[in-house]
C-alpha atoms as a PDB file:
ATOM      1  CA  UNK A   1       5.209  10.953   6.615  1.00  0.00           C
ATOM      2  CA  UNK A   2       2.604   9.062   8.322  1.00  0.00           C
ATOM      3  CA  UNK A   3       0.215  11.354   6.359  1.00  0.00           C
ATOM      4  CA  UNK A   4       1.736  10.426   3.004  1.00  0.00           C
ATOM      5  CA  UNK A   5       0.866   6.811   3.669  1.00  0.00           C
ATOM      6  CA  UNK A   6      -2.543   7.067   4.338  1.00  0.00           C
ATOM      7  CA  UNK A   7      -2.762   8.479   2.096  1.00  0.00           C
ATOM      8  CA  UNK A   8      -1.331   6.596  -0.140  1.00  0.00           C
ATOM      9  CA  UNK A   9      -3.209   3.586   1.675  1.00  0.00           C
ATOM     10  CA  UNK A  10      -6.798   5.760   0.935  1.00  0.00           C
ATOM     11  CA  UNK A  11      -6.007   5.643  -2.717  1.00  0.00           C
ATOM     12  CA  UNK A  12      -5.505   1.710  -3.116  1.00  0.00           C
ATOM     13  CA  UNK A  13      -8.234   1.125  -1.544  1.00  0.00           C
ATOM     14  CA  UNK A  14     -10.166   3.442  -3.711  1.00  0.00           C
ATOM     15  CA  UNK A  15      -8.285   2.175  -6.987  1.00  0.00           C
ATOM     16  CA  UNK A  16      -8.983  -1.447  -5.738  1.00  0.00           C
ATOM     17  CA  UNK A  17     -13.239  -0.477  -5.102  1.00  0.00           C
ATOM     18  CA  UNK A  18     -13.248   0.919  -9.224  1.00  0.00           C
ATOM     19  CA  UNK A  19     -11.656  -2.125 -10.196  1.00  0.00           C
ATOM     20  CA  UNK A  20      -7.739  -1.113 -10.497  1.00  0.00           C
ATOM     21  CA  UNK A  21      -4.900  -3.322  -9.105  1.00  0.00           C
ATOM     22  CA  UNK A  22      -1.962  -1.316  -7.300  1.00  0.00           C
ATOM     23  CA  UNK A  23       0.881  -1.975  -5.547  1.00  0.00           C
ATOM     24  CA  UNK A  24       2.527   0.497  -3.366  1.00  0.00           C
ATOM     25  CA  UNK A  25       5.527   0.912  -3.942  1.00  0.00           C
ATOM     26  CA  UNK A  26       7.772   2.381  -0.659  1.00  0.00           C
ATOM     27  CA  UNK A  27      10.559   4.589  -2.625  1.00  0.00           C
ATOM     28  CA  UNK A  28      11.958   6.493   0.691  1.00  0.00           C
ATOM     29  CA  UNK A  29      14.737   6.328   1.603  1.00  0.00           C
ATOM     30  CA  UNK A  30      15.477   3.800   0.070  1.00  0.00           C
ATOM     31  CA  UNK A  31      18.717   3.727  -2.543  1.00  0.00           C
ATOM     32  CA  UNK A  32      16.362   3.951  -5.755  1.00  0.00           C
ATOM     33  CA  UNK A  33      14.752   6.962  -4.431  1.00  0.00           C
ATOM     34  CA  UNK A  34      16.761   9.429  -6.604  1.00  0.00           C
ATOM     35  CA  UNK A  35      16.445   7.512  -9.865  1.00  0.00           C
ATOM     36  CA  UNK A  36      13.379   8.002  -9.320  1.00  0.00           C
ATOM     37  CA  UNK A  37      13.799  11.716  -8.966  1.00  0.00           C
ATOM     38  CA  UNK A  38      15.588  11.927 -11.578  1.00  0.00           C
ATOM     39  CA  UNK A  39      13.204  10.429 -14.199  1.00  0.00           C
ATOM     40  CA  UNK A  40      10.497  12.007 -13.007  1.00  0.00           C
ATOM     41  CA  UNK A  41      12.365  15.394 -12.866  1.00  0.00           C
ATOM     42  CA  UNK A  42      11.382  16.010  -8.739  1.00  0.00           C
ATOM     43  CA  UNK A  43      13.714  18.830  -7.209  1.00  0.00           C
ATOM     44  CA  UNK A  44      16.489  17.139  -5.536  1.00  0.00           C
ATOM     45  CA  UNK A  45      15.411  18.460  -2.045  1.00  0.00           C
ATOM     46  CA  UNK A  46      11.880  17.076  -2.299  1.00  0.00           C
ATOM     47  CA  UNK A  47      11.099  13.421  -1.037  1.00  0.00           C
ATOM     48  CA  UNK A  48       9.612  10.137  -2.683  1.00  0.00           C
ATOM     49  CA  UNK A  49       7.350   8.701   0.064  1.00  0.00           C
ATOM     50  CA  UNK A  50       5.470   6.554  -2.313  1.00  0.00           C
ATOM     51  CA  UNK A  51       5.072   5.349  -6.017  1.00  0.00           C
ATOM     52  CA  UNK A  52       1.601   3.916  -6.227  1.00  0.00           C
ATOM     53  CA  UNK A  53       1.559   1.310  -9.845  1.00  0.00           C
ATOM     54  CA  UNK A  54      -2.162   0.965 -11.419  1.00  0.00           C
ATOM     55  CA  UNK A  55      -3.400  -0.509 -14.004  1.00  0.00           C
ATOM     56  CA  UNK A  56      -5.795  -3.317 -14.561  1.00  0.00           C
ATOM     57  CA  UNK A  57      -5.116  -6.774 -13.556  1.00  0.00           C
ATOM     58  CA  UNK A  58      -4.425  -9.613 -15.756  1.00  0.00           C
ATOM     59  CA  UNK A  59      -6.465 -12.000 -12.959  1.00  0.00           C
ATOM     60  CA  UNK A  60      -8.243 -11.970  -9.491  1.00  0.00           C
ATOM     61  CA  UNK A  61      -5.937 -14.448  -7.010  1.00  0.00           C
ATOM     62  CA  UNK A  62      -8.562 -15.894  -4.675  1.00  0.00           C
ATOM     63  CA  UNK A  63      -8.543 -14.906  -1.505  1.00  0.00           C
ATOM     64  CA  UNK A  64      -6.584 -16.714   1.543  1.00  0.00           C
ATOM     65  CA  UNK A  65      -8.776 -14.514   3.745  1.00  0.00           C
ATOM     66  CA  UNK A  66      -9.451 -15.586   7.496  1.00  0.00           C
ATOM     67  CA  UNK A  67     -12.382 -15.490   9.296  1.00  0.00           C
ATOM     68  CA  UNK A  68     -12.236 -13.094  11.690  1.00  0.00           C
ATOM     69  CA  UNK A  69     -13.401 -14.958  14.380  1.00  0.00           C
ATOM     70  CA  UNK A  70      -9.821 -17.420  13.811  1.00  0.00           C
ATOM     71  CA  UNK A  71      -7.775 -14.788  14.513  1.00  0.00           C
ATOM     72  CA  UNK A  72      -9.046 -12.438  17.133  1.00  0.00           C
ATOM     73  CA  UNK A  73      -9.770 -12.657  20.520  1.00  0.00           C
ATOM     74  CA  UNK A  74     -12.195 -11.785  24.029  1.00  0.00           C
ATOM     75  CA  UNK A  75     -10.624  -9.903  26.690  1.00  0.00           C
ATOM     76  CA  UNK A  76      -7.509 -10.916  26.748  1.00  0.00           C
ATOM     77  CA  UNK A  77      -4.725 -13.053  24.186  1.00  0.00           C
ATOM     78  CA  UNK A  78      -5.577 -16.754  24.065  1.00  0.00           C
ATOM     79  CA  UNK A  79      -9.639 -16.473  25.133  1.00  0.00           C
ATOM     80  CA  UNK A  80     -12.057 -16.466  22.459  1.00  0.00           C
ATOM     81  CA  UNK A  81     -15.792 -14.817  22.656  1.00  0.00           C
END
């Protein structure tokens, strides 16, 4: 499971580097995993860990990323460097 998750994450990062938009849809153990397998003709004994939607985004949202100094501490919780 972990290998599949990190593989999915790396695919999302690679797509982003190419200017593509993605969305990771976790299907493992979900209510719709069976329907996905049916639509894609995946054998019943196989599991679907991730589905990735991929395309060129219609818009580019502005970043709301915080500066690293706002979310990190030094040596112990609450201590700013």
